[in-house]
N, C-alpha and C. Protein backbone atom coordinates (compact mmCIF):
# COMPACT_ATOMS: atom_id res chain seq x y z
N MET A 1 -12.11 -1.86 -28.44
CA MET A 1 -11.90 -0.23 -28.35
C MET A 1 -12.38 -0.04 -27.54
N ARG A 2 -12.22 1.64 -26.97
CA ARG A 2 -12.78 2.63 -26.26
C ARG A 2 -14.46 2.85 -26.72
N ASP A 3 -15.00 3.76 -26.16
CA ASP A 3 -16.53 3.93 -26.99
C ASP A 3 -16.16 5.23 -27.40
N ALA A 4 -15.16 6.21 -27.37
CA ALA A 4 -14.85 7.03 -28.59
C ALA A 4 -13.46 6.78 -29.41
N ALA A 5 -13.41 6.28 -30.10
CA ALA A 5 -11.54 6.02 -30.98
C ALA A 5 -12.00 7.42 -32.05
N ARG A 6 -10.44 7.63 -31.63
CA ARG A 6 -10.33 8.58 -33.10
C ARG A 6 -9.03 8.71 -33.81
N PRO A 7 -8.74 7.69 -34.24
CA PRO A 7 -7.30 7.20 -34.89
C PRO A 7 -7.26 8.30 -36.08
N VAL A 8 -6.05 8.65 -36.08
CA VAL A 8 -5.67 9.92 -37.41
C VAL A 8 -4.43 9.07 -37.72
N GLY A 9 -4.29 8.71 -39.52
CA GLY A 9 -3.32 8.85 -40.28
C GLY A 9 -2.85 7.05 -39.80
N SER A 10 -3.77 6.32 -39.22
CA SER A 10 -3.54 4.90 -39.23
C SER A 10 -4.38 4.30 -40.27
N SER A 11 -3.91 2.54 -39.97
CA SER A 11 -4.26 1.29 -40.39
C SER A 11 -4.73 0.71 -39.32
N ILE A 12 -5.81 0.20 -39.46
CA ILE A 12 -6.61 -0.82 -38.25
C ILE A 12 -7.46 -1.81 -39.04
N GLY A 13 -7.31 -3.17 -38.59
CA GLY A 13 -7.84 -3.92 -38.52
C GLY A 13 -9.42 -4.02 -38.44
N ASN A 14 -10.06 -4.51 -37.23
CA ASN A 14 -11.08 -4.30 -36.78
C ASN A 14 -11.18 -2.83 -35.85
N LEU A 15 -12.49 -2.31 -35.99
CA LEU A 15 -12.66 -1.17 -34.92
C LEU A 15 -14.00 -1.31 -34.23
N SER A 16 -14.40 -1.24 -33.47
CA SER A 16 -15.72 -1.01 -32.68
C SER A 16 -16.00 -0.26 -31.53
N GLY A 17 -17.16 0.65 -31.38
CA GLY A 17 -17.01 1.47 -30.42
C GLY A 17 -18.37 2.24 -30.53
N ALA A 18 -18.89 3.04 -29.65
CA ALA A 18 -19.97 3.72 -29.78
C ALA A 18 -19.60 5.03 -30.88
N GLU A 19 -18.88 5.39 -30.75
CA GLU A 19 -18.61 6.94 -31.50
C GLU A 19 -17.13 6.35 -32.10
N ILE A 20 -17.10 6.33 -33.51
CA ILE A 20 -15.72 6.45 -34.43
C ILE A 20 -15.77 7.54 -35.01
N ASN A 21 -14.36 7.89 -35.13
CA ASN A 21 -13.83 9.36 -35.85
C ASN A 21 -12.98 8.67 -36.88
N LEU A 22 -12.82 8.34 -38.08
CA LEU A 22 -11.56 8.06 -38.62
C LEU A 22 -11.17 9.37 -39.34
N GLU A 23 -9.89 9.47 -39.40
CA GLU A 23 -9.21 10.73 -40.70
C GLU A 23 -7.96 10.16 -41.00
N PHE A 24 -7.75 10.41 -42.09
CA PHE A 24 -6.78 10.07 -42.81
C PHE A 24 -6.49 8.44 -42.42
N SER A 25 -7.17 7.39 -42.80
CA SER A 25 -7.17 6.19 -41.78
C SER A 25 -7.51 5.42 -42.99
N ALA A 26 -7.04 4.14 -42.56
CA ALA A 26 -7.92 2.82 -43.29
C ALA A 26 -8.13 1.71 -42.24
N ALA A 27 -9.42 1.25 -42.51
CA ALA A 27 -9.89 0.13 -41.87
C ALA A 27 -10.38 -0.92 -42.58
N GLN A 28 -10.54 -2.34 -41.52
CA GLN A 28 -11.26 -3.57 -42.50
C GLN A 28 -12.77 -3.15 -42.26
N ARG A 29 -13.05 -3.47 -41.07
CA ARG A 29 -14.40 -3.22 -40.31
C ARG A 29 -14.70 -2.48 -39.11
N VAL A 30 -15.51 -1.29 -39.83
CA VAL A 30 -15.96 -0.56 -38.56
C VAL A 30 -17.27 -1.14 -37.90
N ARG A 31 -17.71 -1.10 -36.80
CA ARG A 31 -18.92 -1.49 -36.64
C ARG A 31 -18.82 -0.16 -34.95
N ALA A 32 -20.14 0.47 -35.33
CA ALA A 32 -20.32 1.40 -34.32
C ALA A 32 -21.65 2.35 -34.37
N ASP A 33 -21.83 2.91 -33.22
CA ASP A 33 -23.34 3.60 -33.42
C ASP A 33 -22.86 4.56 -34.27
N THR A 34 -22.43 5.61 -34.15
CA THR A 34 -21.79 6.85 -34.93
C THR A 34 -20.53 6.46 -35.69
N CYS A 35 -20.53 6.26 -36.78
CA CYS A 35 -19.04 6.52 -37.28
C CYS A 35 -18.96 7.45 -38.43
N ARG A 36 -18.11 8.10 -38.27
CA ARG A 36 -17.93 9.72 -38.95
C ARG A 36 -16.20 9.26 -39.66
N ALA A 37 -16.24 9.39 -40.94
CA ALA A 37 -14.89 9.05 -41.90
C ALA A 37 -14.66 10.45 -42.44
N GLY A 38 -13.22 10.67 -42.75
CA GLY A 38 -12.75 11.73 -43.55
C GLY A 38 -11.66 11.28 -44.04
N TYR A 39 -11.64 11.30 -45.10
CA TYR A 39 -10.20 10.82 -46.27
C TYR A 39 -9.66 9.62 -45.63
N SER A 40 -10.74 8.32 -45.88
CA SER A 40 -10.42 7.61 -44.96
C SER A 40 -10.75 6.28 -45.98
N ALA A 41 -10.81 5.02 -45.81
CA ALA A 41 -11.07 4.03 -46.64
C ALA A 41 -11.32 2.78 -45.76
N ILE A 42 -12.25 2.56 -45.64
CA ILE A 42 -12.87 1.20 -45.20
C ILE A 42 -13.61 0.26 -46.17
N ALA A 43 -13.55 -1.09 -45.57
CA ALA A 43 -13.58 -1.89 -46.36
C ALA A 43 -14.93 -2.44 -46.08
N LEU A 44 -15.42 -2.57 -44.75
CA LEU A 44 -17.09 -2.57 -44.17
C LEU A 44 -17.49 -1.74 -42.95
N THR A 45 -18.80 -0.89 -43.52
CA THR A 45 -18.81 0.03 -42.46
C THR A 45 -20.54 -0.13 -41.81
N HIS A 46 -20.61 -0.73 -40.67
CA HIS A 46 -21.77 -1.01 -40.12
C HIS A 46 -22.06 -0.10 -38.74
N ALA A 47 -23.17 0.57 -38.88
CA ALA A 47 -23.42 1.51 -38.13
C ALA A 47 -24.60 1.86 -37.55
N ASP A 48 -25.33 2.49 -37.05
CA ASP A 48 -26.71 3.15 -36.93
C ASP A 48 -26.47 4.55 -37.73
N ARG A 49 -25.85 5.23 -37.59
CA ARG A 49 -25.35 6.49 -38.34
C ARG A 49 -24.08 7.07 -38.65
N ALA A 50 -24.13 6.60 -40.22
CA ALA A 50 -22.91 6.67 -40.80
C ALA A 50 -22.54 7.61 -42.01
N GLN A 51 -20.89 8.57 -41.59
CA GLN A 51 -21.31 9.74 -42.12
C GLN A 51 -19.68 9.75 -42.80
N LEU A 52 -19.56 9.90 -44.08
CA LEU A 52 -18.20 9.45 -44.94
C LEU A 52 -18.08 11.04 -45.80
N GLU A 53 -16.80 11.36 -45.51
CA GLU A 53 -16.53 12.66 -46.57
C GLU A 53 -15.55 12.72 -47.24
N GLN A 54 -15.45 12.70 -48.23
CA GLN A 54 -14.22 12.35 -49.07
C GLN A 54 -13.57 10.98 -49.14
N SER A 55 -14.34 10.07 -48.49
CA SER A 55 -13.58 8.83 -48.41
C SER A 55 -14.13 7.53 -49.32
N ALA A 56 -13.84 6.51 -48.98
CA ALA A 56 -14.48 5.24 -49.97
C ALA A 56 -14.61 4.01 -48.78
N SER A 57 -15.65 3.33 -49.57
CA SER A 57 -15.69 2.05 -48.62
C SER A 57 -16.65 1.26 -49.73
N GLY A 58 -16.59 -0.02 -49.01
CA GLY A 58 -16.78 -1.34 -49.96
C GLY A 58 -18.09 -1.21 -50.04
N ALA A 59 -18.68 -1.02 -48.61
CA ALA A 59 -20.01 -1.44 -48.18
C ALA A 59 -20.15 -0.51 -46.69
N VAL A 60 -21.47 0.45 -46.94
CA VAL A 60 -21.51 1.03 -45.80
C VAL A 60 -23.46 0.82 -45.65
N ILE A 61 -23.29 0.00 -44.40
CA ILE A 61 -24.47 -0.54 -43.92
C ILE A 61 -25.26 0.36 -42.60
N ALA A 62 -26.21 0.99 -42.53
CA ALA A 62 -26.51 1.97 -41.53
C ALA A 62 -28.20 2.52 -41.78
N GLY A 63 -28.43 2.64 -40.58
CA GLY A 63 -30.14 2.99 -40.22
C GLY A 63 -29.98 4.51 -40.93
N THR A 64 -28.95 5.54 -40.85
CA THR A 64 -28.76 6.31 -41.47
C THR A 64 -27.53 6.71 -42.21
N ALA A 65 -27.56 6.92 -43.69
CA ALA A 65 -26.19 7.12 -44.33
C ALA A 65 -26.04 8.08 -44.70
N ARG A 66 -24.63 8.99 -44.94
CA ARG A 66 -24.71 10.08 -45.32
C ARG A 66 -23.20 9.90 -46.09
N LEU A 67 -22.88 10.13 -47.41
CA LEU A 67 -22.01 10.44 -47.99
C LEU A 67 -21.71 11.36 -48.89
N ALA A 68 -20.54 12.09 -49.05
CA ALA A 68 -20.77 13.92 -49.61
C ALA A 68 -18.87 13.42 -50.09
N ASP A 69 -19.25 13.35 -51.65
CA ASP A 69 -17.66 13.50 -52.12
C ASP A 69 -17.32 12.02 -51.68
N SER A 70 -17.93 10.78 -51.85
CA SER A 70 -17.40 9.90 -51.36
C SER A 70 -17.94 8.66 -52.31
N ALA A 71 -17.35 7.78 -52.21
CA ALA A 71 -17.55 6.25 -53.03
C ALA A 71 -17.50 5.21 -52.33
N ALA A 72 -18.92 4.31 -52.62
CA ALA A 72 -19.19 3.33 -51.96
C ALA A 72 -19.58 1.86 -52.97
N ILE A 73 -19.22 0.78 -52.72
CA ILE A 73 -20.05 -0.41 -53.70
C ILE A 73 -21.15 -0.42 -53.53
N VAL A 74 -21.30 -0.27 -52.14
CA VAL A 74 -23.11 -0.69 -51.56
C VAL A 74 -23.48 0.44 -50.92
N ALA A 75 -24.31 1.09 -50.60
CA ALA A 75 -24.65 1.84 -49.65
C ALA A 75 -26.07 1.24 -49.28
N CYS A 76 -26.31 0.79 -48.29
CA CYS A 76 -27.50 0.51 -47.77
C CYS A 76 -27.86 1.15 -46.29
N GLY A 77 -29.20 1.49 -46.18
CA GLY A 77 -29.93 1.86 -45.11
C GLY A 77 -31.32 2.58 -44.97
N GLY A 78 -32.03 2.71 -44.13
CA GLY A 78 -33.13 3.07 -44.29
C GLY A 78 -33.76 4.61 -44.63
N SER A 79 -32.24 5.22 -44.46
CA SER A 79 -32.02 6.53 -45.21
C SER A 79 -31.08 7.02 -45.51
N VAL A 80 -30.61 7.21 -46.69
CA VAL A 80 -29.00 7.28 -47.40
C VAL A 80 -29.62 8.50 -48.30
N ARG A 81 -28.60 9.44 -47.88
CA ARG A 81 -27.69 10.80 -48.71
C ARG A 81 -26.56 11.09 -49.43
N ILE A 82 -26.30 10.92 -50.48
CA ILE A 82 -25.13 11.29 -51.36
C ILE A 82 -25.22 11.94 -52.15
N GLU A 83 -24.00 13.00 -52.22
CA GLU A 83 -23.77 13.87 -53.03
C GLU A 83 -22.61 13.88 -53.35
N ASN A 84 -22.47 14.07 -54.89
CA ASN A 84 -21.32 13.94 -55.43
C ASN A 84 -20.72 12.54 -55.47
N GLY A 85 -21.07 11.83 -55.96
CA GLY A 85 -20.62 10.10 -55.21
C GLY A 85 -20.83 9.24 -56.47
N ALA A 86 -19.70 7.98 -56.60
CA ALA A 86 -20.21 7.04 -57.47
C ALA A 86 -20.51 5.91 -56.43
N THR A 87 -21.62 5.31 -56.28
CA THR A 87 -22.23 4.42 -55.84
C THR A 87 -22.94 3.06 -56.89
N PRO A 88 -22.39 2.16 -57.20
CA PRO A 88 -23.15 1.00 -58.22
C PRO A 88 -24.43 0.71 -57.28
N VAL A 89 -24.35 0.10 -56.26
CA VAL A 89 -25.81 -0.04 -55.63
C VAL A 89 -25.97 0.95 -54.69
N ILE A 90 -27.35 1.12 -54.67
CA ILE A 90 -28.08 1.86 -53.90
C ILE A 90 -29.40 1.13 -52.84
N ILE A 91 -29.23 1.07 -51.75
CA ILE A 91 -30.36 0.21 -51.01
C ILE A 91 -31.35 1.18 -50.04
N GLY A 92 -31.84 1.61 -49.73
CA GLY A 92 -32.74 2.28 -48.97
C GLY A 92 -34.15 2.51 -48.63
N GLY A 93 -34.57 3.13 -47.71
CA GLY A 93 -36.23 3.41 -47.53
C GLY A 93 -36.31 4.74 -48.49
N ALA A 94 -35.40 5.79 -48.09
CA ALA A 94 -35.34 6.91 -48.63
C ALA A 94 -34.10 7.17 -49.13
N VAL A 95 -34.14 7.64 -50.44
CA VAL A 95 -32.80 7.53 -51.15
C VAL A 95 -32.61 9.68 -51.35
N GLU A 96 -32.02 10.30 -51.15
CA GLU A 96 -31.46 11.60 -51.38
C GLU A 96 -30.33 11.51 -52.32
N ALA A 97 -30.11 11.86 -53.46
CA ALA A 97 -29.09 11.97 -54.18
C ALA A 97 -28.91 13.15 -54.97
N GLN A 98 -27.62 13.40 -55.21
CA GLN A 98 -27.46 15.01 -55.68
C GLN A 98 -26.12 14.70 -56.40
N ARG A 99 -26.05 14.52 -57.64
CA ARG A 99 -25.33 14.34 -58.56
C ARG A 99 -24.34 12.38 -58.76
N VAL A 100 -25.22 11.57 -58.44
CA VAL A 100 -24.59 10.51 -58.15
C VAL A 100 -24.69 9.55 -59.16
N MET A 101 -23.68 8.56 -59.60
CA MET A 101 -23.82 7.55 -60.73
C MET A 101 -24.12 6.58 -59.71
N ALA A 102 -24.99 5.67 -60.55
CA ALA A 102 -25.46 4.48 -60.13
C ALA A 102 -26.05 3.28 -60.98
N LEU A 103 -25.38 2.22 -60.68
CA LEU A 103 -25.87 1.17 -61.44
C LEU A 103 -27.32 0.57 -61.00
N ALA A 104 -27.96 0.39 -60.28
CA ALA A 104 -28.81 -0.02 -59.71
C ALA A 104 -29.31 0.82 -58.13
N VAL A 105 -30.56 1.49 -58.11
CA VAL A 105 -30.92 1.96 -56.97
C VAL A 105 -32.49 1.11 -56.59
N VAL A 106 -32.80 1.01 -55.44
CA VAL A 106 -33.51 -0.10 -54.56
C VAL A 106 -34.42 0.99 -53.84
N ALA A 107 -35.51 1.57 -53.61
CA ALA A 107 -36.17 2.16 -52.79
C ALA A 107 -37.37 2.61 -52.24
N GLY A 108 -37.73 2.96 -51.81
CA GLY A 108 -39.05 3.36 -51.48
C GLY A 108 -39.67 4.63 -52.16
N SER A 109 -38.59 5.81 -51.96
CA SER A 109 -38.52 7.04 -52.62
C SER A 109 -37.15 7.72 -52.84
N VAL A 110 -37.25 8.28 -53.84
CA VAL A 110 -36.03 8.68 -54.22
C VAL A 110 -36.07 9.88 -54.88
N GLU A 111 -35.34 10.70 -54.16
CA GLU A 111 -35.05 12.49 -54.63
C GLU A 111 -33.75 13.23 -55.06
N GLY A 112 -33.75 13.47 -55.87
CA GLY A 112 -32.62 14.32 -56.49
C GLY A 112 -32.20 13.76 -57.78
N HIS A 113 -31.05 14.24 -58.16
CA HIS A 113 -30.43 13.56 -59.79
C HIS A 113 -29.48 12.11 -59.39
N VAL A 114 -30.41 11.43 -59.52
CA VAL A 114 -29.30 9.90 -59.57
C VAL A 114 -29.70 9.45 -61.24
N SER A 115 -28.08 9.28 -61.70
CA SER A 115 -27.96 8.80 -63.25
C SER A 115 -27.70 7.24 -62.83
N ALA A 116 -28.45 6.37 -63.55
CA ALA A 116 -28.58 5.23 -63.30
C ALA A 116 -28.46 4.23 -64.83
N LEU A 117 -27.41 3.24 -64.71
CA LEU A 117 -27.27 2.76 -66.04
C LEU A 117 -28.16 2.02 -66.72
N MET A 118 -29.28 1.19 -65.96
CA MET A 118 -30.43 1.00 -66.50
C MET A 118 -31.84 1.82 -65.87
N GLY A 119 -32.42 1.40 -66.81
CA GLY A 119 -33.92 1.92 -66.19
C GLY A 119 -34.45 0.21 -65.70
N THR A 120 -36.02 0.64 -65.56
CA THR A 120 -36.40 -0.71 -65.22
C THR A 120 -36.85 -1.43 -66.43
N ARG A 121 -37.08 -1.16 -67.60
CA ARG A 121 -37.51 -1.89 -68.68
C ARG A 121 -35.69 -2.42 -69.16
N ALA A 122 -34.75 -1.92 -68.96
CA ALA A 122 -33.49 -2.48 -69.48
C ALA A 122 -32.94 -3.48 -68.83
N ALA A 123 -33.38 -3.06 -67.45
CA ALA A 123 -32.99 -4.34 -66.54
C ALA A 123 -33.69 -5.84 -66.41
N ILE A 124 -35.20 -5.47 -66.90
CA ILE A 124 -36.09 -6.80 -67.00
C ILE A 124 -35.46 -7.17 -68.62
N ALA A 125 -34.97 -6.38 -69.53
CA ALA A 125 -34.47 -6.76 -70.86
C ALA A 125 -33.22 -7.64 -70.51
N PHE A 126 -31.90 -6.90 -70.25
CA PHE A 126 -31.18 -7.73 -69.36
C PHE A 126 -31.00 -9.06 -69.10
N GLY A 127 -31.90 -8.88 -67.81
CA GLY A 127 -32.15 -10.28 -66.99
C GLY A 127 -32.67 -11.78 -67.92
N VAL A 128 -33.61 -11.01 -68.92
CA VAL A 128 -34.10 -11.95 -69.66
C VAL A 128 -33.08 -12.77 -70.50
N ALA A 129 -32.39 -11.49 -71.20
CA ALA A 129 -31.58 -12.09 -72.00
C ALA A 129 -30.51 -13.12 -71.72
N LEU A 130 -29.82 -12.56 -70.33
CA LEU A 130 -29.11 -13.49 -69.81
C LEU A 130 -29.73 -14.48 -69.25
N GLY A 131 -30.61 -14.82 -68.95
CA GLY A 131 -31.47 -16.03 -68.45
C GLY A 131 -31.63 -16.96 -69.89
N LEU A 132 -32.17 -16.45 -70.78
CA LEU A 132 -31.82 -17.27 -71.96
C LEU A 132 -30.54 -17.75 -72.55
N SER A 133 -29.45 -16.93 -72.56
CA SER A 133 -28.26 -17.15 -72.97
C SER A 133 -28.03 -18.28 -72.32
N ALA A 134 -28.40 -18.26 -70.52
CA ALA A 134 -27.55 -19.26 -70.12
C ALA A 134 -28.24 -20.76 -70.11
N LEU A 135 -29.69 -20.62 -70.51
CA LEU A 135 -30.40 -21.86 -70.95
C LEU A 135 -29.56 -22.24 -71.92
N LEU A 136 -29.73 -21.89 -73.20
CA LEU A 136 -29.22 -22.20 -74.34
C LEU A 136 -27.73 -22.70 -74.04
N ALA A 137 -26.60 -21.85 -73.41
CA ALA A 137 -25.70 -22.47 -73.28
C ALA A 137 -25.78 -24.36 -72.44
N ARG A 138 -26.28 -24.28 -71.49
CA ARG A 138 -26.62 -25.36 -70.41
C ARG A 138 -27.34 -26.19 -71.73
N LEU A 139 -28.03 -26.41 -72.10
CA LEU A 139 -28.56 -27.11 -73.68
C LEU A 139 -27.79 -27.38 -74.49
N LEU A 140 -26.68 -26.56 -74.76
CA LEU A 140 -25.21 -26.89 -76.22
C LEU A 140 -24.53 -27.43 -75.53
N ARG A 141 -24.62 -27.45 -74.21
CA ARG A 141 -23.60 -28.91 -73.42
C ARG A 141 -23.77 -29.82 -73.38
N ARG A 142 -25.21 -30.10 -73.25
CA ARG A 142 -25.97 -31.38 -72.89
C ARG A 142 -25.61 -32.32 -74.17
N TRP A 143 -26.03 -31.15 -75.65
CA TRP A 143 -25.67 -31.89 -77.17
C TRP A 143 -24.25 -32.20 -76.94
N ILE A 144 -23.50 -31.56 -76.44
CA ILE A 144 -22.36 -31.33 -77.52
C ILE A 144 -21.03 -32.54 -76.49
């Protein structure tokens, strides 16, 4: 595709270029230096800079990711900023979040208000309980 793509109101499979701007669109994969999406849905976003506003993405992988009023299953980047969003997994060097619901946050530094489902102790307890129950199920399967 061209270096600057600006699809509006369309459905696209794979899209790549230097600068991608999506509005009211859906795409499977977007790979770009800069990706901006408004009112759009993207399965996989891979960019140096990604900016989603009132959009949804399965995964956002970017050097700098900014999600405003958006949702992503995984947001990953060197710098991740999320405002008013639901992102189960956030991974980043520096995470800035305002009014965000998350399941797991892995970051060098976190600023703002993130409501995580589990803290460190709860996550460790959950992992131990899951491991012990898997061990018990395996032992029972051998004896039965």
